[in-house]
Amino acid sequence: MLYAQEIAAGTCSAAAADCMRLKPRLLEGFALPAIEEIVAAATSRSLPAQSVVTNQAELAGHLFLIIKGRARYFYIAENGHKLLLHWLVPGEIFGGAALLPKPAPYIVGTEMVQDGAALVWARRSIRLLTAKYPRLLDNTLPIFGDYLAIYVAAHVALTCRDARRRMAEVLITLARTIGHAKKDGIELDVTNEELANASNVTIFTASRLINEWQRRGAVAKSRRKLLIRSPERLFRSKTR
């Protein structure tokens, strides 16, 4: 779906060119004219780090496609505890409830982890586009299927695996989705508190495991940075 000639020749809009470089699943299978029309119906919005873009239980009024930066889902429990869920990278969408035929609330909140930008469609606009281009809805089905798979994996980990295994799997998932390849490993921009929350362990347990893995050479920790040097060592028990 990467229209290199059009991008190089400057024959498409900047927003469409950004989309084609990212190859978002939302726009898979569309020709350039359709992409231009879909993108033209959106507005471009800057999203500063730490800003909450969508609020849990708020009526879903917009669909977002991340162009730059990183976001994540979160959920506020009844006791006020904030649960960190799935991380989102450029090319991914959030606010999918805006696609539903009847108005529905956002199930989770979404916040920016880094300064970024997104294309934003009002619910009415994206619903009109899905009527004209049913493939838009077809393209979102695998995305929602992935979310179900993530939920199942998290539930299995919580009920069947110990703290070490859960946190190791969170690190591997983060390395695959938001990691940056370095000469000696994969670097993550993540804190011990965030890892503890995502793994459903205490911050004490998260810190203890990070220190243990660091002594083994599996990871290297610095301020807000974690370098995964040896993924296979994350799963070894302390006695090995």
C-alpha atoms as a PDB file:
ATOM      1  CA  MET A   1       0.000   0.000   0.000  1.00  0.00           C
ATOM      2  CA  LEU A   2       3.045   2.266  -0.098  1.00  0.00           C
ATOM      3  CA  TYR A   3       2.609   4.496  -3.143  1.00  0.00           C
ATOM      4  CA  ALA A   4       6.260   5.492  -3.431  1.00  0.00           C
ATOM      5  CA  GLN A   5       5.922   7.273  -6.769  1.00  0.00           C
ATOM      6  CA  GLU A   6       3.054   9.481  -5.618  1.00  0.00           C
ATOM      7  CA  ILE A   7       4.863  10.355  -2.393  1.00  0.00           C
ATOM      8  CA  ALA A   8       8.119  11.116  -4.189  1.00  0.00           C
ATOM      9  CA  ALA A   9       6.369  13.189  -6.857  1.00  0.00           C
ATOM     10  CA  GLY A  10       4.335  15.115  -4.296  1.00  0.00           C
ATOM     11  CA  THR A  11       1.071  14.282  -6.056  1.00  0.00           C
ATOM     12  CA  CYS A  12      -0.762  13.391  -2.841  1.00  0.00           C
ATOM     13  CA  SER A  13      -1.533  15.462   0.230  1.00  0.00           C
ATOM     14  CA  ALA A  14       0.867  15.508   3.165  1.00  0.00           C
ATOM     15  CA  ALA A  15      -1.694  13.783   5.392  1.00  0.00           C
ATOM     16  CA  ALA A  16      -2.275  11.020   2.831  1.00  0.00           C
ATOM     17  CA  ALA A  17       1.477  10.607   2.403  1.00  0.00           C
ATOM     18  CA  ASP A  18       1.871  10.196   6.176  1.00  0.00           C
ATOM     19  CA  CYS A  19      -0.802   7.499   6.155  1.00  0.00           C
ATOM     20  CA  MET A  20       0.757   5.641   3.256  1.00  0.00           C
ATOM     21  CA  ARG A  21       4.160   5.619   4.948  1.00  0.00           C
ATOM     22  CA  LEU A  22       2.632   4.202   8.149  1.00  0.00           C
ATOM     23  CA  LYS A  23       0.482   1.631   6.301  1.00  0.00           C
ATOM     24  CA  PRO A  24      -2.329   1.643   8.922  1.00  0.00           C
ATOM     25  CA  ARG A  25      -4.568  -1.389   8.889  1.00  0.00           C
ATOM     26  CA  LEU A  26      -7.577   0.942   8.819  1.00  0.00           C
ATOM     27  CA  LEU A  27      -6.701   1.898   5.227  1.00  0.00           C
ATOM     28  CA  GLU A  28      -5.517  -1.457   3.887  1.00  0.00           C
ATOM     29  CA  GLY A  29      -6.696  -2.213   0.357  1.00  0.00           C
ATOM     30  CA  PHE A  30      -7.688   1.341  -0.563  1.00  0.00           C
ATOM     31  CA  ALA A  31      -6.534   3.095  -3.715  1.00  0.00           C
ATOM     32  CA  LEU A  32      -4.992   6.553  -3.499  1.00  0.00           C
ATOM     33  CA  PRO A  33      -8.168   8.514  -4.421  1.00  0.00           C
ATOM     34  CA  ALA A  34     -10.136   6.803  -1.649  1.00  0.00           C
ATOM     35  CA  ILE A  35      -7.336   7.408   0.855  1.00  0.00           C
ATOM     36  CA  GLU A  36      -7.315  11.089  -0.082  1.00  0.00           C
ATOM     37  CA  GLU A  37     -11.084  11.318   0.460  1.00  0.00           C
ATOM     38  CA  ILE A  38     -10.992   9.484   3.785  1.00  0.00           C
ATOM     39  CA  VAL A  39      -8.081  11.536   5.091  1.00  0.00           C
ATOM     40  CA  ALA A  40      -9.638  14.801   3.890  1.00  0.00           C
ATOM     41  CA  ALA A  41     -12.637  14.148   6.145  1.00  0.00           C
ATOM     42  CA  ALA A  42     -10.362  14.131   9.211  1.00  0.00           C
ATOM     43  CA  THR A  43      -8.725  16.967  11.079  1.00  0.00           C
ATOM     44  CA  SER A  44      -5.104  16.923  12.214  1.00  0.00           C
ATOM     45  CA  ARG A  45      -4.601  17.387  15.942  1.00  0.00           C
ATOM     46  CA  SER A  46      -1.462  17.771  18.044  1.00  0.00           C
ATOM     47  CA  LEU A  47      -1.562  15.682  21.211  1.00  0.00           C
ATOM     48  CA  PRO A  48       0.872  16.647  24.006  1.00  0.00           C
ATOM     49  CA  ALA A  49       2.448  14.058  26.264  1.00  0.00           C
ATOM     50  CA  GLN A  50       0.453  13.127  29.391  1.00  0.00           C
ATOM     51  CA  SER A  51      -2.771  14.516  27.934  1.00  0.00           C
ATOM     52  CA  VAL A  52      -5.930  12.411  28.210  1.00  0.00           C
ATOM     53  CA  VAL A  53      -7.433  12.186  24.726  1.00  0.00           C
ATOM     54  CA  THR A  54     -10.494  10.044  25.433  1.00  0.00           C
ATOM     55  CA  ASN A  55     -12.175   9.497  28.778  1.00  0.00           C
ATOM     56  CA  GLN A  56     -13.565   6.206  29.983  1.00  0.00           C
ATOM     57  CA  ALA A  57     -17.413   6.147  29.908  1.00  0.00           C
ATOM     58  CA  GLU A  58     -17.548   9.340  27.812  1.00  0.00           C
ATOM     59  CA  LEU A  59     -19.773   9.091  24.746  1.00  0.00           C
ATOM     60  CA  ALA A  60     -17.549   8.167  21.792  1.00  0.00           C
ATOM     61  CA  GLY A  61     -17.545  11.146  19.459  1.00  0.00           C
ATOM     62  CA  HIS A  62     -14.301  10.672  17.529  1.00  0.00           C
ATOM     63  CA  LEU A  63     -12.034   8.078  15.921  1.00  0.00           C
ATOM     64  CA  PHE A  64      -8.272   8.679  16.108  1.00  0.00           C
ATOM     65  CA  LEU A  65      -5.408   7.453  13.913  1.00  0.00           C
ATOM     66  CA  ILE A  66      -2.008   8.036  15.491  1.00  0.00           C
ATOM     67  CA  ILE A  67       0.418   9.681  13.068  1.00  0.00           C
ATOM     68  CA  LYS A  68       3.189  10.511  15.529  1.00  0.00           C
ATOM     69  CA  GLY A  69       4.024   9.696  19.142  1.00  0.00           C
ATOM     70  CA  ARG A  70       2.797   6.966  21.438  1.00  0.00           C
ATOM     71  CA  ALA A  71      -0.370   6.467  23.467  1.00  0.00           C
ATOM     72  CA  ARG A  72      -1.839   3.850  25.779  1.00  0.00           C
ATOM     73  CA  TYR A  73      -5.173   2.673  27.062  1.00  0.00           C
ATOM     74  CA  PHE A  74      -5.979   2.874  30.760  1.00  0.00           C
ATOM     75  CA  TYR A  75      -8.900   2.000  33.000  1.00  0.00           C
ATOM     76  CA  ILE A  76      -9.949   3.612  36.275  1.00  0.00           C
ATOM     77  CA  ALA A  77     -11.302   1.003  38.687  1.00  0.00           C
ATOM     78  CA  GLU A  78     -14.085   1.683  41.194  1.00  0.00           C
ATOM     79  CA  ASN A  79     -11.516   2.201  43.952  1.00  0.00           C
ATOM     80  CA  GLY A  80      -9.764   4.870  41.876  1.00  0.00           C
ATOM     81  CA  HIS A  81      -6.834   2.641  40.933  1.00  0.00           C
ATOM     82  CA  LYS A  82      -5.495   3.348  37.441  1.00  0.00           C
ATOM     83  CA  LEU A  83      -4.786   0.235  35.378  1.00  0.00           C
ATOM     84  CA  LEU A  84      -2.433   0.592  32.424  1.00  0.00           C
ATOM     85  CA  LEU A  85      -3.486  -1.504  29.463  1.00  0.00           C
ATOM     86  CA  HIS A  86      -2.366  -1.646  25.826  1.00  0.00           C
ATOM     87  CA  TRP A  87       0.297   0.652  24.327  1.00  0.00           C
ATOM     88  CA  LEU A  88      -0.425   2.241  20.912  1.00  0.00           C
ATOM     89  CA  VAL A  89       2.069   3.315  18.229  1.00  0.00           C
ATOM     90  CA  PRO A  90       1.840   5.311  14.970  1.00  0.00           C
ATOM     91  CA  GLY A  91      -0.494   3.690  12.468  1.00  0.00           C
ATOM     92  CA  GLU A  92      -2.881   2.382  15.123  1.00  0.00           C
ATOM     93  CA  ILE A  93      -6.382   3.662  15.854  1.00  0.00           C
ATOM     94  CA  PHE A  94      -8.280   4.285  19.068  1.00  0.00           C
ATOM     95  CA  GLY A  95     -11.799   5.425  19.833  1.00  0.00           C
ATOM     96  CA  GLY A  96     -13.286   2.591  17.801  1.00  0.00           C
ATOM     97  CA  ALA A  97     -16.626   2.907  19.595  1.00  0.00           C
ATOM     98  CA  ALA A  98     -17.283   5.888  17.318  1.00  0.00           C
ATOM     99  CA  LEU A  99     -17.733   3.419  14.452  1.00  0.00           C
ATOM    100  CA  LEU A 100     -20.712   1.682  16.056  1.00  0.00           C
ATOM    101  CA  PRO A 101     -24.170   2.303  14.549  1.00  0.00           C
ATOM    102  CA  LYS A 102     -25.623   3.442  17.889  1.00  0.00           C
ATOM    103  CA  PRO A 103     -23.878   5.980  20.150  1.00  0.00           C
ATOM    104  CA  ALA A 104     -21.751   4.165  22.725  1.00  0.00           C
ATOM    105  CA  PRO A 105     -19.233   5.164  25.399  1.00  0.00           C
ATOM    106  CA  TYR A 106     -15.490   4.658  25.292  1.00  0.00           C
ATOM    107  CA  ILE A 107     -14.823   1.530  27.359  1.00  0.00           C
ATOM    108  CA  VAL A 108     -11.347   2.722  28.376  1.00  0.00           C
ATOM    109  CA  GLY A 109      -9.481   6.009  28.486  1.00  0.00           C
ATOM    110  CA  THR A 110      -6.574   6.893  26.193  1.00  0.00           C
ATOM    111  CA  GLU A 111      -3.606   9.060  27.140  1.00  0.00           C
ATOM    112  CA  MET A 112      -0.490  10.198  25.315  1.00  0.00           C
ATOM    113  CA  VAL A 113       2.845   8.856  26.539  1.00  0.00           C
ATOM    114  CA  GLN A 114       4.826  11.068  24.153  1.00  0.00           C
ATOM    115  CA  ASP A 115       4.107  14.282  22.261  1.00  0.00           C
ATOM    116  CA  GLY A 116       2.279  13.233  19.121  1.00  0.00           C
ATOM    117  CA  ALA A 117      -0.305  13.929  16.486  1.00  0.00           C
ATOM    118  CA  ALA A 118      -3.356  12.152  15.106  1.00  0.00           C
ATOM    119  CA  LEU A 119      -5.906  12.311  12.350  1.00  0.00           C
ATOM    120  CA  VAL A 120      -9.322  12.688  13.966  1.00  0.00           C
ATOM    121  CA  TRP A 121     -12.707  11.872  12.452  1.00  0.00           C
ATOM    122  CA  ALA A 122     -15.953  13.058  14.024  1.00  0.00           C
ATOM    123  CA  ARG A 123     -18.385  10.186  14.528  1.00  0.00           C
ATOM    124  CA  ARG A 124     -20.781  11.466  11.857  1.00  0.00           C
ATOM    125  CA  SER A 125     -17.968  11.809   9.306  1.00  0.00           C
ATOM    126  CA  ILE A 126     -16.501   8.347   9.859  1.00  0.00           C
ATOM    127  CA  ARG A 127     -19.970   6.771   9.829  1.00  0.00           C
ATOM    128  CA  LEU A 128     -20.688   8.389   6.440  1.00  0.00           C
ATOM    129  CA  LEU A 129     -17.369   7.084   5.144  1.00  0.00           C
ATOM    130  CA  THR A 130     -18.084   3.546   6.337  1.00  0.00           C
ATOM    131  CA  ALA A 131     -21.400   3.652   4.468  1.00  0.00           C
ATOM    132  CA  LYS A 132     -19.519   4.570   1.279  1.00  0.00           C
ATOM    133  CA  TYR A 133     -16.509   2.343   1.990  1.00  0.00           C
ATOM    134  CA  PRO A 134     -17.619  -0.780   3.943  1.00  0.00           C
ATOM    135  CA  ARG A 135     -14.017  -1.994   3.824  1.00  0.00           C
ATOM    136  CA  LEU A 136     -13.257   0.489   6.610  1.00  0.00           C
ATOM    137  CA  LEU A 137     -15.343  -1.636   8.973  1.00  0.00           C
ATOM    138  CA  ASP A 138     -13.851  -4.838   7.562  1.00  0.00           C
ATOM    139  CA  ASN A 139     -10.384  -3.480   8.329  1.00  0.00           C
ATOM    140  CA  THR A 140     -11.270  -2.779  11.958  1.00  0.00           C
ATOM    141  CA  LEU A 141     -12.513  -6.303  12.697  1.00  0.00           C
ATOM    142  CA  PRO A 142      -9.005  -7.843  12.932  1.00  0.00           C
ATOM    143  CA  ILE A 143      -7.955  -4.944  15.172  1.00  0.00           C
ATOM    144  CA  PHE A 144     -10.783  -5.640  17.613  1.00  0.00           C
ATOM    145  CA  GLY A 145      -9.969  -9.341  17.342  1.00  0.00           C
ATOM    146  CA  ASP A 146      -6.426  -8.533  18.465  1.00  0.00           C
ATOM    147  CA  TYR A 147      -7.810  -6.713  21.508  1.00  0.00           C
ATOM    148  CA  LEU A 148      -9.794  -9.801  22.469  1.00  0.00           C
ATOM    149  CA  ALA A 149      -6.632 -11.911  22.112  1.00  0.00           C
ATOM    150  CA  ILE A 150      -4.739  -9.442  24.327  1.00  0.00           C
ATOM    151  CA  TYR A 151      -7.488  -9.647  26.956  1.00  0.00           C
ATOM    152  CA  VAL A 152      -7.469 -13.454  26.896  1.00  0.00           C
ATOM    153  CA  ALA A 153      -3.666 -13.539  27.205  1.00  0.00           C
ATOM    154  CA  ALA A 154      -3.776 -11.095  30.131  1.00  0.00           C
ATOM    155  CA  HIS A 155      -6.488 -13.119  31.883  1.00  0.00           C
ATOM    156  CA  VAL A 156      -4.554 -16.363  31.408  1.00  0.00           C
ATOM    157  CA  ALA A 157      -1.376 -14.726  32.710  1.00  0.00           C
ATOM    158  CA  LEU A 158      -3.179 -13.371  35.762  1.00  0.00           C
ATOM    159  CA  THR A 159      -4.820 -16.672  36.685  1.00  0.00           C
ATOM    160  CA  CYS A 160      -2.199 -19.214  35.601  1.00  0.00           C
ATOM    161  CA  ARG A 161       1.250 -17.599  35.781  1.00  0.00           C
ATOM    162  CA  ASP A 162       3.435 -16.278  38.550  1.00  0.00           C
ATOM    163  CA  ALA A 163       4.700 -12.683  38.874  1.00  0.00           C
ATOM    164  CA  ARG A 164       8.031 -13.401  37.156  1.00  0.00           C
ATOM    165  CA  ARG A 165       6.372 -14.910  34.098  1.00  0.00           C
ATOM    166  CA  ARG A 166       3.765 -12.140  33.856  1.00  0.00           C
ATOM    167  CA  MET A 167       6.332  -9.370  34.019  1.00  0.00           C
ATOM    168  CA  ALA A 168       8.667 -11.114  31.576  1.00  0.00           C
ATOM    169  CA  GLU A 169       5.824 -11.430  29.079  1.00  0.00           C
ATOM    170  CA  VAL A 170       4.906  -7.766  29.526  1.00  0.00           C
ATOM    171  CA  LEU A 171       8.512  -6.802  28.781  1.00  0.00           C
ATOM    172  CA  ILE A 172       8.619  -8.988  25.664  1.00  0.00           C
ATOM    173  CA  THR A 173       5.325  -7.508  24.443  1.00  0.00           C
ATOM    174  CA  LEU A 174       6.531  -3.949  25.046  1.00  0.00           C
ATOM    175  CA  ALA A 175       9.824  -4.704  23.301  1.00  0.00           C
ATOM    176  CA  ARG A 176       7.903  -5.888  20.256  1.00  0.00           C
ATOM    177  CA  THR A 177       5.477  -2.949  20.167  1.00  0.00           C
ATOM    178  CA  ILE A 178       7.266   0.153  21.488  1.00  0.00           C
ATOM    179  CA  GLY A 179      10.906  -0.942  21.789  1.00  0.00           C
ATOM    180  CA  HIS A 180      13.812   0.766  20.042  1.00  0.00           C
ATOM    181  CA  ALA A 181      16.570  -1.448  18.645  1.00  0.00           C
ATOM    182  CA  LYS A 182      20.004  -0.583  20.005  1.00  0.00           C
ATOM    183  CA  LYS A 183      23.429  -2.098  19.390  1.00  0.00           C
ATOM    184  CA  ASP A 184      23.297  -4.165  22.577  1.00  0.00           C
ATOM    185  CA  GLY A 185      19.555  -4.809  22.957  1.00  0.00           C
ATOM    186  CA  ILE A 186      16.070  -3.308  22.814  1.00  0.00           C
ATOM    187  CA  GLU A 187      15.397  -0.132  24.764  1.00  0.00           C
ATOM    188  CA  LEU A 188      12.080   0.674  26.441  1.00  0.00           C
ATOM    189  CA  ASP A 189      10.932   4.010  27.801  1.00  0.00           C
ATOM    190  CA  VAL A 190       9.115   2.661  30.843  1.00  0.00           C
ATOM    191  CA  THR A 191       9.206   3.004  34.632  1.00  0.00           C
ATOM    192  CA  ASN A 192       9.096   0.298  37.308  1.00  0.00           C
ATOM    193  CA  GLU A 193       5.682   1.610  38.377  1.00  0.00           C
ATOM    194  CA  GLU A 194       4.306   1.233  34.849  1.00  0.00           C
ATOM    195  CA  LEU A 195       5.706  -2.299  34.589  1.00  0.00           C
ATOM    196  CA  ALA A 196       4.220  -3.215  37.962  1.00  0.00           C
ATOM    197  CA  ASN A 197       0.822  -1.917  36.907  1.00  0.00           C
ATOM    198  CA  ALA A 198       0.855  -3.668  33.541  1.00  0.00           C
ATOM    199  CA  SER A 199       1.991  -6.952  35.145  1.00  0.00           C
ATOM    200  CA  ASN A 200      -0.389  -6.771  38.118  1.00  0.00           C
ATOM    201  CA  VAL A 201       2.421  -6.961  40.666  1.00  0.00           C
ATOM    202  CA  THR A 202       3.497  -4.596  43.427  1.00  0.00           C
ATOM    203  CA  ILE A 203       6.140  -1.995  42.658  1.00  0.00           C
ATOM    204  CA  PHE A 204       8.343  -3.763  45.231  1.00  0.00           C
ATOM    205  CA  THR A 205       8.109  -7.005  43.230  1.00  0.00           C
ATOM    206  CA  ALA A 206       8.766  -5.172  39.964  1.00  0.00           C
ATOM    207  CA  SER A 207      11.862  -3.480  41.405  1.00  0.00           C
ATOM    208  CA  ARG A 208      13.117  -6.778  42.863  1.00  0.00           C
ATOM    209  CA  LEU A 209      12.747  -8.591  39.534  1.00  0.00           C
ATOM    210  CA  ILE A 210      14.409  -5.762  37.591  1.00  0.00           C
ATOM    211  CA  ASN A 211      17.348  -5.772  40.026  1.00  0.00           C
ATOM    212  CA  GLU A 212      17.654  -9.566  39.774  1.00  0.00           C
ATOM    213  CA  TRP A 213      17.563  -9.473  35.961  1.00  0.00           C
ATOM    214  CA  GLN A 214      20.095  -6.665  35.957  1.00  0.00           C
ATOM    215  CA  ARG A 215      22.523  -8.706  38.065  1.00  0.00           C
ATOM    216  CA  ARG A 216      22.203 -11.540  35.550  1.00  0.00           C
ATOM    217  CA  GLY A 217      22.846  -9.257  32.598  1.00  0.00           C
ATOM    218  CA  ALA A 218      19.353  -9.759  31.176  1.00  0.00           C
ATOM    219  CA  VAL A 219      18.518  -6.047  31.413  1.00  0.00           C
ATOM    220  CA  ALA A 220      20.193  -2.716  32.140  1.00  0.00           C
ATOM    221  CA  LYS A 221      18.187  -0.052  34.011  1.00  0.00           C
ATOM    222  CA  SER A 222      18.591   3.707  33.968  1.00  0.00           C
ATOM    223  CA  ARG A 223      16.241   6.609  34.595  1.00  0.00           C
ATOM    224  CA  ARG A 224      12.985   5.837  32.686  1.00  0.00           C
ATOM    225  CA  LYS A 225      14.935   3.528  30.376  1.00  0.00           C
ATOM    226  CA  LEU A 226      15.193  -0.245  30.396  1.00  0.00           C
ATOM    227  CA  LEU A 227      17.476  -2.073  27.982  1.00  0.00           C
ATOM    228  CA  ILE A 228      16.560  -5.717  27.358  1.00  0.00           C
ATOM    229  CA  ARG A 229      19.824  -7.480  26.590  1.00  0.00           C
ATOM    230  CA  SER A 230      18.855 -11.139  26.855  1.00  0.00           C
ATOM    231  CA  PRO A 231      15.106 -11.907  26.595  1.00  0.00           C
ATOM    232  CA  GLU A 232      15.569 -15.625  27.258  1.00  0.00           C
ATOM    233  CA  ARG A 233      17.096 -14.925  30.693  1.00  0.00           C
ATOM    234  CA  LEU A 234      13.914 -13.158  31.795  1.00  0.00           C
ATOM    235  CA  PHE A 235      12.109 -16.504  32.031  1.00  0.00           C
ATOM    236  CA  ARG A 236      14.743 -18.352  34.043  1.00  0.00           C
ATOM    237  CA  SER A 237      13.991 -18.947  37.681  1.00  0.00           C
ATOM    238  CA  LYS A 238      16.286 -17.510  40.326  1.00  0.00           C
ATOM    239  CA  THR A 239      17.763 -20.906  41.170  1.00  0.00           C
ATOM    240  CA  ARG A 240      19.064 -21.552  37.656  1.00  0.00           C
END
